Amino acid sequence: MTEKVEELQQQLIDLESKLAFQEDVVQSLNDELHEHQKSIEKLQRQVMMLAEKISQGNDSGILRVHEEPPPPHY
């Protein structure tokens, strides 16, 4: 019976170790997801600002299609 108890204790230790590792991985993934979400929100704000500039016609840095120079390979 002692062997069985030791085996169960080892299994419990293994499970606790795996759980601790999984909790660490989940936290790391959560942190990474949070960083990606912040980047996405920043990019969305930038796109909204660019769309607003374009719709107002205030952006002199963008040429109309017929004003674009031909590509270098022509």
PDB file of N, CA and C in Angstrom:
ATOM      1  N   MET A   1       0.812  -1.185   0.000  1.00  0.00           N
ATOM      2  CA  MET A   1       0.000   0.000   0.000  1.00  0.00           C
ATOM      3  C   MET A   1       0.864   1.261   0.000  1.00  0.00           C
ATOM      4  N   THR A   2       2.028   1.224   0.586  1.00  0.00           N
ATOM      5  CA  THR A   2       2.924   2.367   0.650  1.00  0.00           C
ATOM      6  C   THR A   2       3.387   2.774  -0.751  1.00  0.00           C
ATOM      7  N   GLU A   3       3.630   1.786  -1.569  1.00  0.00           N
ATOM      8  CA  GLU A   3       4.029   2.064  -2.955  1.00  0.00           C
ATOM      9  C   GLU A   3       2.937   2.837  -3.682  1.00  0.00           C
ATOM     10  N   LYS A   4       1.707   2.428  -3.458  1.00  0.00           N
ATOM     11  CA  LYS A   4       0.558   3.076  -4.103  1.00  0.00           C
ATOM     12  C   LYS A   4       0.437   4.527  -3.650  1.00  0.00           C
ATOM     13  N   VAL A   5       0.640   4.771  -2.375  1.00  0.00           N
ATOM     14  CA  VAL A   5       0.568   6.126  -1.832  1.00  0.00           C
ATOM     15  C   VAL A   5       1.682   6.987  -2.434  1.00  0.00           C
ATOM     16  N   GLU A   6       2.880   6.450  -2.517  1.00  0.00           N
ATOM     17  CA  GLU A   6       4.000   7.195  -3.102  1.00  0.00           C
ATOM     18  C   GLU A   6       3.743   7.513  -4.573  1.00  0.00           C
ATOM     19  N   GLU A   7       3.154   6.533  -5.260  1.00  0.00           N
ATOM     20  CA  GLU A   7       2.835   6.747  -6.676  1.00  0.00           C
ATOM     21  C   GLU A   7       1.790   7.854  -6.829  1.00  0.00           C
ATOM     22  N   LEU A   8       0.784   7.839  -5.966  1.00  0.00           N
ATOM     23  CA  LEU A   8      -0.251   8.876  -6.004  1.00  0.00           C
ATOM     24  C   LEU A   8       0.324  10.247  -5.648  1.00  0.00           C
ATOM     25  N   GLN A   9       1.231  10.270  -4.691  1.00  0.00           N
ATOM     26  CA  GLN A   9       1.869  11.532  -4.330  1.00  0.00           C
ATOM     27  C   GLN A   9       2.693  12.080  -5.494  1.00  0.00           C
ATOM     28  N   GLN A  10       3.399  11.212  -6.189  1.00  0.00           N
ATOM     29  CA  GLN A  10       4.197  11.644  -7.334  1.00  0.00           C
ATOM     30  C   GLN A  10       3.290  12.164  -8.454  1.00  0.00           C
ATOM     31  N   GLN A  11       2.172  11.470  -8.672  1.00  0.00           N
ATOM     32  CA  GLN A  11       1.216  11.928  -9.683  1.00  0.00           C
ATOM     33  C   GLN A  11       0.652  13.297  -9.320  1.00  0.00           C
ATOM     34  N   LEU A  12       0.374  13.504  -8.043  1.00  0.00           N
ATOM     35  CA  LEU A  12      -0.134  14.786  -7.575  1.00  0.00           C
ATOM     36  C   LEU A  12       0.910  15.882  -7.781  1.00  0.00           C
ATOM     37  N   ILE A  13       2.148  15.587  -7.469  1.00  0.00           N
ATOM     38  CA  ILE A  13       3.232  16.552  -7.670  1.00  0.00           C
ATOM     39  C   ILE A  13       3.370  16.894  -9.151  1.00  0.00           C
ATOM     40  N   ASP A  14       3.295  15.877 -10.015  1.00  0.00           N
ATOM     41  CA  ASP A  14       3.380  16.098 -11.460  1.00  0.00           C
ATOM     42  C   ASP A  14       2.235  16.983 -11.950  1.00  0.00           C
ATOM     43  N   LEU A  15       1.032  16.691 -11.465  1.00  0.00           N
ATOM     44  CA  LEU A  15      -0.126  17.487 -11.868  1.00  0.00           C
ATOM     45  C   LEU A  15      -0.008  18.935 -11.396  1.00  0.00           C
ATOM     46  N   GLU A  16       0.463  19.120 -10.181  1.00  0.00           N
ATOM     47  CA  GLU A  16       0.644  20.477  -9.666  1.00  0.00           C
ATOM     48  C   GLU A  16       1.692  21.225 -10.481  1.00  0.00           C
ATOM     49  N   SER A  17       2.735  20.530 -10.867  1.00  0.00           N
ATOM     50  CA  SER A  17       3.778  21.140 -11.681  1.00  0.00           C
ATOM     51  C   SER A  17       3.228  21.547 -13.051  1.00  0.00           C
ATOM     52  N   LYS A  18       2.457  20.657 -13.658  1.00  0.00           N
ATOM     53  CA  LYS A  18       1.853  20.962 -14.966  1.00  0.00           C
ATOM     54  C   LYS A  18       0.882  22.131 -14.850  1.00  0.00           C
ATOM     55  N   LEU A  19       0.108  22.163 -13.777  1.00  0.00           N
ATOM     56  CA  LEU A  19      -0.840  23.251 -13.569  1.00  0.00           C
ATOM     57  C   LEU A  19      -0.110  24.581 -13.425  1.00  0.00           C
ATOM     58  N   ALA A  20       0.967  24.597 -12.667  1.00  0.00           N
ATOM     59  CA  ALA A  20       1.740  25.825 -12.490  1.00  0.00           C
ATOM     60  C   ALA A  20       2.296  26.302 -13.832  1.00  0.00           C
ATOM     61  N   PHE A  21       2.794  25.384 -14.630  1.00  0.00           N
ATOM     62  CA  PHE A  21       3.314  25.736 -15.953  1.00  0.00           C
ATOM     63  C   PHE A  21       2.203  26.297 -16.833  1.00  0.00           C
ATOM     64  N   GLN A  22       1.032  25.663 -16.835  1.00  0.00           N
ATOM     65  CA  GLN A  22      -0.088  26.120 -17.652  1.00  0.00           C
ATOM     66  C   GLN A  22      -0.579  27.491 -17.204  1.00  0.00           C
ATOM     67  N   GLU A  23      -0.604  27.725 -15.904  1.00  0.00           N
ATOM     68  CA  GLU A  23      -1.004  29.043 -15.409  1.00  0.00           C
ATOM     69  C   GLU A  23      -0.033  30.113 -15.887  1.00  0.00           C
ATOM     70  N   ASP A  24       1.260  29.795 -15.901  1.00  0.00           N
ATOM     71  CA  ASP A  24       2.268  30.733 -16.383  1.00  0.00           C
ATOM     72  C   ASP A  24       2.091  31.006 -17.879  1.00  0.00           C
ATOM     73  N   VAL A  25       1.825  29.964 -18.642  1.00  0.00           N
ATOM     74  CA  VAL A  25       1.621  30.119 -20.084  1.00  0.00           C
ATOM     75  C   VAL A  25       0.380  30.958 -20.355  1.00  0.00           C
ATOM     76  N   VAL A  26      -0.698  30.687 -19.636  1.00  0.00           N
ATOM     77  CA  VAL A  26      -1.940  31.448 -19.820  1.00  0.00           C
ATOM     78  C   VAL A  26      -1.691  32.927 -19.499  1.00  0.00           C
ATOM     79  N   GLN A  27      -0.965  33.209 -18.441  1.00  0.00           N
ATOM     80  CA  GLN A  27      -0.674  34.600 -18.081  1.00  0.00           C
ATOM     81  C   GLN A  27       0.180  35.268 -19.157  1.00  0.00           C
ATOM     82  N   SER A  28       1.167  34.550 -19.667  1.00  0.00           N
ATOM     83  CA  SER A  28       2.011  35.101 -20.739  1.00  0.00           C
ATOM     84  C   SER A  28       1.189  35.396 -21.987  1.00  0.00           C
ATOM     85  N   LEU A  29       0.316  34.482 -22.351  1.00  0.00           N
ATOM     86  CA  LEU A  29      -0.545  34.694 -23.514  1.00  0.00           C
ATOM     87  C   LEU A  29      -1.497  35.861 -23.287  1.00  0.00           C
ATOM     88  N   ASN A  30      -2.010  35.974 -22.083  1.00  0.00           N
ATOM     89  CA  ASN A  30      -2.902  37.087 -21.761  1.00  0.00           C
ATOM     90  C   ASN A  30      -2.174  38.423 -21.889  1.00  0.00           C
ATOM     91  N   ASP A  31      -0.950  38.486 -21.387  1.00  0.00           N
ATOM     92  CA  ASP A  31      -0.152  39.712 -21.499  1.00  0.00           C
ATOM     93  C   ASP A  31       0.109  40.061 -22.964  1.00  0.00           C
ATOM     94  N   GLU A  32       0.457  39.061 -23.756  1.00  0.00           N
ATOM     95  CA  GLU A  32       0.723  39.282 -25.180  1.00  0.00           C
ATOM     96  C   GLU A  32      -0.546  39.740 -25.897  1.00  0.00           C
ATOM     97  N   LEU A  33      -1.665  39.141 -25.571  1.00  0.00           N
ATOM     98  CA  LEU A  33      -2.938  39.531 -26.166  1.00  0.00           C
ATOM     99  C   LEU A  33      -3.277  40.978 -25.819  1.00  0.00           C
ATOM    100  N   HIS A  34      -3.008  41.365 -24.602  1.00  0.00           N
ATOM    101  CA  HIS A  34      -3.260  42.739 -24.173  1.00  0.00           C
ATOM    102  C   HIS A  34      -2.411  43.719 -24.985  1.00  0.00           C
ATOM    103  N   GLU A  35      -1.150  43.397 -25.199  1.00  0.00           N
ATOM    104  CA  GLU A  35      -0.268  44.252 -25.994  1.00  0.00           C
ATOM    105  C   GLU A  35      -0.757  44.358 -27.440  1.00  0.00           C
ATOM    106  N   HIS A  36      -1.200  43.237 -28.000  1.00  0.00           N
ATOM    107  CA  HIS A  36      -1.721  43.245 -29.369  1.00  0.00           C
ATOM    108  C   HIS A  36      -2.991  44.097 -29.451  1.00  0.00           C
ATOM    109  N   GLN A  37      -3.832  44.010 -28.450  1.00  0.00           N
ATOM    110  CA  GLN A  37      -5.061  44.796 -28.447  1.00  0.00           C
ATOM    111  C   GLN A  37      -4.741  46.284 -28.406  1.00  0.00           C
ATOM    112  N   LYS A  38      -3.745  46.677 -27.615  1.00  0.00           N
ATOM    113  CA  LYS A  38      -3.349  48.086 -27.569  1.00  0.00           C
ATOM    114  C   LYS A  38      -2.834  48.536 -28.933  1.00  0.00           C
ATOM    115  N   SER A  39      -2.049  47.689 -29.598  1.00  0.00           N
ATOM    116  CA  SER A  39      -1.531  48.024 -30.930  1.00  0.00           C
ATOM    117  C   SER A  39      -2.665  48.164 -31.938  1.00  0.00           C
ATOM    118  N   ILE A  40      -3.627  47.270 -31.878  1.00  0.00           N
ATOM    119  CA  ILE A  40      -4.774  47.321 -32.791  1.00  0.00           C
ATOM    120  C   ILE A  40      -5.559  48.614 -32.581  1.00  0.00           C
ATOM    121  N   GLU A  41      -5.782  48.972 -31.336  1.00  0.00           N
ATOM    122  CA  GLU A  41      -6.525  50.198 -31.045  1.00  0.00           C
ATOM    123  C   GLU A  41      -5.777  51.422 -31.558  1.00  0.00           C
ATOM    124  N   LYS A  42      -4.466  51.441 -31.411  1.00  0.00           N
ATOM    125  CA  LYS A  42      -3.665  52.553 -31.912  1.00  0.00           C
ATOM    126  C   LYS A  42      -3.762  52.631 -33.438  1.00  0.00           C
ATOM    127  N   LEU A  43      -3.651  51.490 -34.104  1.00  0.00           N
ATOM    128  CA  LEU A  43      -3.754  51.463 -35.565  1.00  0.00           C
ATOM    129  C   LEU A  43      -5.141  51.904 -36.024  1.00  0.00           C
ATOM    130  N   GLN A  44      -6.174  51.515 -35.305  1.00  0.00           N
ATOM    131  CA  GLN A  44      -7.529  51.939 -35.662  1.00  0.00           C
ATOM    132  C   GLN A  44      -7.679  53.448 -35.552  1.00  0.00           C
ATOM    133  N   ARG A  45      -7.103  54.037 -34.509  1.00  0.00           N
ATOM    134  CA  ARG A  45      -7.159  55.498 -34.364  1.00  0.00           C
ATOM    135  C   ARG A  45      -6.427  56.177 -35.517  1.00  0.00           C
ATOM    136  N   GLN A  46      -5.273  55.633 -35.904  1.00  0.00           N
ATOM    137  CA  GLN A  46      -4.522  56.213 -37.005  1.00  0.00           C
ATOM    138  C   GLN A  46      -5.290  56.125 -38.317  1.00  0.00           C
ATOM    139  N   VAL A  47      -5.931  54.995 -38.572  1.00  0.00           N
ATOM    140  CA  VAL A  47      -6.724  54.833 -39.794  1.00  0.00           C
ATOM    141  C   VAL A  47      -7.886  55.826 -39.799  1.00  0.00           C
ATOM    142  N   MET A  48      -8.541  55.989 -38.649  1.00  0.00           N
ATOM    143  CA  MET A  48      -9.651  56.945 -38.561  1.00  0.00           C
ATOM    144  C   MET A  48      -9.168  58.367 -38.852  1.00  0.00           C
ATOM    145  N   MET A  49      -8.000  58.731 -38.320  1.00  0.00           N
ATOM    146  CA  MET A  49      -7.458  60.062 -38.572  1.00  0.00           C
ATOM    147  C   MET A  49      -7.129  60.248 -40.053  1.00  0.00           C
ATOM    148  N   LEU A  50      -6.529  59.233 -40.664  1.00  0.00           N
ATOM    149  CA  LEU A  50      -6.206  59.322 -42.090  1.00  0.00           C
ATOM    150  C   LEU A  50      -7.467  59.409 -42.946  1.00  0.00           C
ATOM    151  N   ALA A  51      -8.465  58.622 -42.600  1.00  0.00           N
ATOM    152  CA  ALA A  51      -9.720  58.658 -43.351  1.00  0.00           C
ATOM    153  C   ALA A  51     -10.368  60.036 -43.238  1.00  0.00           C
ATOM    154  N   GLU A  52     -10.298  60.621 -42.060  1.00  0.00           N
ATOM    155  CA  GLU A  52     -10.860  61.954 -41.862  1.00  0.00           C
ATOM    156  C   GLU A  52     -10.099  62.996 -42.684  1.00  0.00           C
ATOM    157  N   LYS A  53      -8.768  62.905 -42.682  1.00  0.00           N
ATOM    158  CA  LYS A  53      -7.959  63.835 -43.478  1.00  0.00           C
ATOM    159  C   LYS A  53      -8.275  63.710 -44.965  1.00  0.00           C
ATOM    160  N   ILE A  54      -8.412  62.479 -45.429  1.00  0.00           N
ATOM    161  CA  ILE A  54      -8.692  62.251 -46.843  1.00  0.00           C
ATOM    162  C   ILE A  54     -10.072  62.786 -47.199  1.00  0.00           C
ATOM    163  N   SER A  55     -11.053  62.532 -46.359  1.00  0.00           N
ATOM    164  CA  SER A  55     -12.417  62.983 -46.662  1.00  0.00           C
ATOM    165  C   SER A  55     -12.521  64.504 -46.642  1.00  0.00           C
ATOM    166  N   GLN A  56     -11.682  65.162 -45.843  1.00  0.00           N
ATOM    167  CA  GLN A  56     -11.687  66.621 -45.800  1.00  0.00           C
ATOM    168  C   GLN A  56     -10.864  67.216 -46.944  1.00  0.00           C
ATOM    169  N   GLY A  57     -10.052  66.412 -47.555  1.00  0.00           N
ATOM    170  CA  GLY A  57      -9.225  66.889 -48.659  1.00  0.00           C
ATOM    171  C   GLY A  57      -8.061  67.748 -48.205  1.00  0.00           C
ATOM    172  N   ASN A  58      -7.687  67.660 -46.941  1.00  0.00           N
ATOM    173  CA  ASN A  58      -6.604  68.485 -46.404  1.00  0.00           C
ATOM    174  C   ASN A  58      -5.235  67.849 -46.528  1.00  0.00           C
ATOM    175  N   ASP A  59      -5.166  66.632 -46.989  1.00  0.00           N
ATOM    176  CA  ASP A  59      -3.881  65.938 -47.048  1.00  0.00           C
ATOM    177  C   ASP A  59      -3.252  66.147 -48.417  1.00  0.00           C
ATOM    178  N   SER A  60      -2.269  67.053 -48.486  1.00  0.00           N
ATOM    179  CA  SER A  60      -1.620  67.343 -49.770  1.00  0.00           C
ATOM    180  C   SER A  60      -0.574  66.284 -50.122  1.00  0.00           C
ATOM    181  N   GLY A  61      -0.326  65.351 -49.240  1.00  0.00           N
ATOM    182  CA  GLY A  61       0.676  64.322 -49.495  1.00  0.00           C
ATOM    183  C   GLY A  61       0.157  63.172 -50.344  1.00  0.00           C
ATOM    184  N   ILE A  62      -1.139  63.145 -50.631  1.00  0.00           N
ATOM    185  CA  ILE A  62      -1.713  62.058 -51.413  1.00  0.00           C
ATOM    186  C   ILE A  62      -2.136  62.605 -52.766  1.00  0.00           C
ATOM    187  N   LEU A  63      -1.632  61.987 -53.819  1.00  0.00           N
ATOM    188  CA  LEU A  63      -1.965  62.405 -55.175  1.00  0.00           C
ATOM    189  C   LEU A  63      -3.169  61.629 -55.688  1.00  0.00           C
ATOM    190  N   ARG A  64      -3.905  62.268 -56.593  1.00  0.00           N
ATOM    191  CA  ARG A  64      -5.005  61.559 -57.246  1.00  0.00           C
ATOM    192  C   ARG A  64      -4.412  60.554 -58.216  1.00  0.00           C
ATOM    193  N   VAL A  65      -5.203  59.608 -58.658  1.00  0.00           N
ATOM    194  CA  VAL A  65      -4.715  58.527 -59.514  1.00  0.00           C
ATOM    195  C   VAL A  65      -4.091  59.087 -60.783  1.00  0.00           C
ATOM    196  N   HIS A  66      -4.727  60.056 -61.429  1.00  0.00           N
ATOM    197  CA  HIS A  66      -4.189  60.602 -62.678  1.00  0.00           C
ATOM    198  C   HIS A  66      -2.964  61.487 -62.452  1.00  0.00           C
ATOM    199  N   GLU A  67      -2.692  61.875 -61.211  1.00  0.00           N
ATOM    200  CA  GLU A  67      -1.516  62.688 -60.898  1.00  0.00           C
ATOM    201  C   GLU A  67      -0.302  61.850 -60.513  1.00  0.00           C
ATOM    202  N   GLU A  68      -0.519  60.582 -60.239  1.00  0.00           N
ATOM    203  CA  GLU A  68       0.573  59.700 -59.830  1.00  0.00           C
ATOM    204  C   GLU A  68       1.577  59.521 -60.970  1.00  0.00           C
ATOM    205  N   PRO A  69       2.875  59.592 -60.655  1.00  0.00           N
ATOM    206  CA  PRO A  69       3.863  59.312 -61.696  1.00  0.00           C
ATOM    207  C   PRO A  69       3.864  57.815 -62.026  1.00  0.00           C
ATOM    208  N   PRO A  70       4.309  57.482 -63.228  1.00  0.00           N
ATOM    209  CA  PRO A  70       4.341  56.057 -63.582  1.00  0.00           C
ATOM    210  C   PRO A  70       5.376  55.323 -62.746  1.00  0.00           C
ATOM    211  N   PRO A  71       5.200  54.038 -62.585  1.00  0.00           N
ATOM    212  CA  PRO A  71       6.186  53.248 -61.837  1.00  0.00           C
ATOM    213  C   PRO A  71       7.549  53.302 -62.523  1.00  0.00           C
ATOM    214  N   PRO A  72       8.643  53.053 -61.809  1.00  0.00           N
ATOM    215  CA  PRO A  72       9.986  53.180 -62.358  1.00  0.00           C
ATOM    216  C   PRO A  72      10.279  52.226 -63.527  1.00  0.00           C
ATOM    217  N   HIS A  73       9.554  51.162 -63.665  1.00  0.00           N
ATOM    218  CA  HIS A  73       9.885  50.218 -64.727  1.00  0.00           C
ATOM    219  C   HIS A  73       9.284  50.622 -66.077  1.00  0.00           C
ATOM    220  N   TYR A  74       8.579  51.751 -66.165  1.00  0.00           N
ATOM    221  CA  TYR A  74       8.040  52.200 -67.448  1.00  0.00           C
ATOM    222  C   TYR A  74       9.001  53.087 -68.177  1.00  0.00           C
TER     223      TYR A  74
END
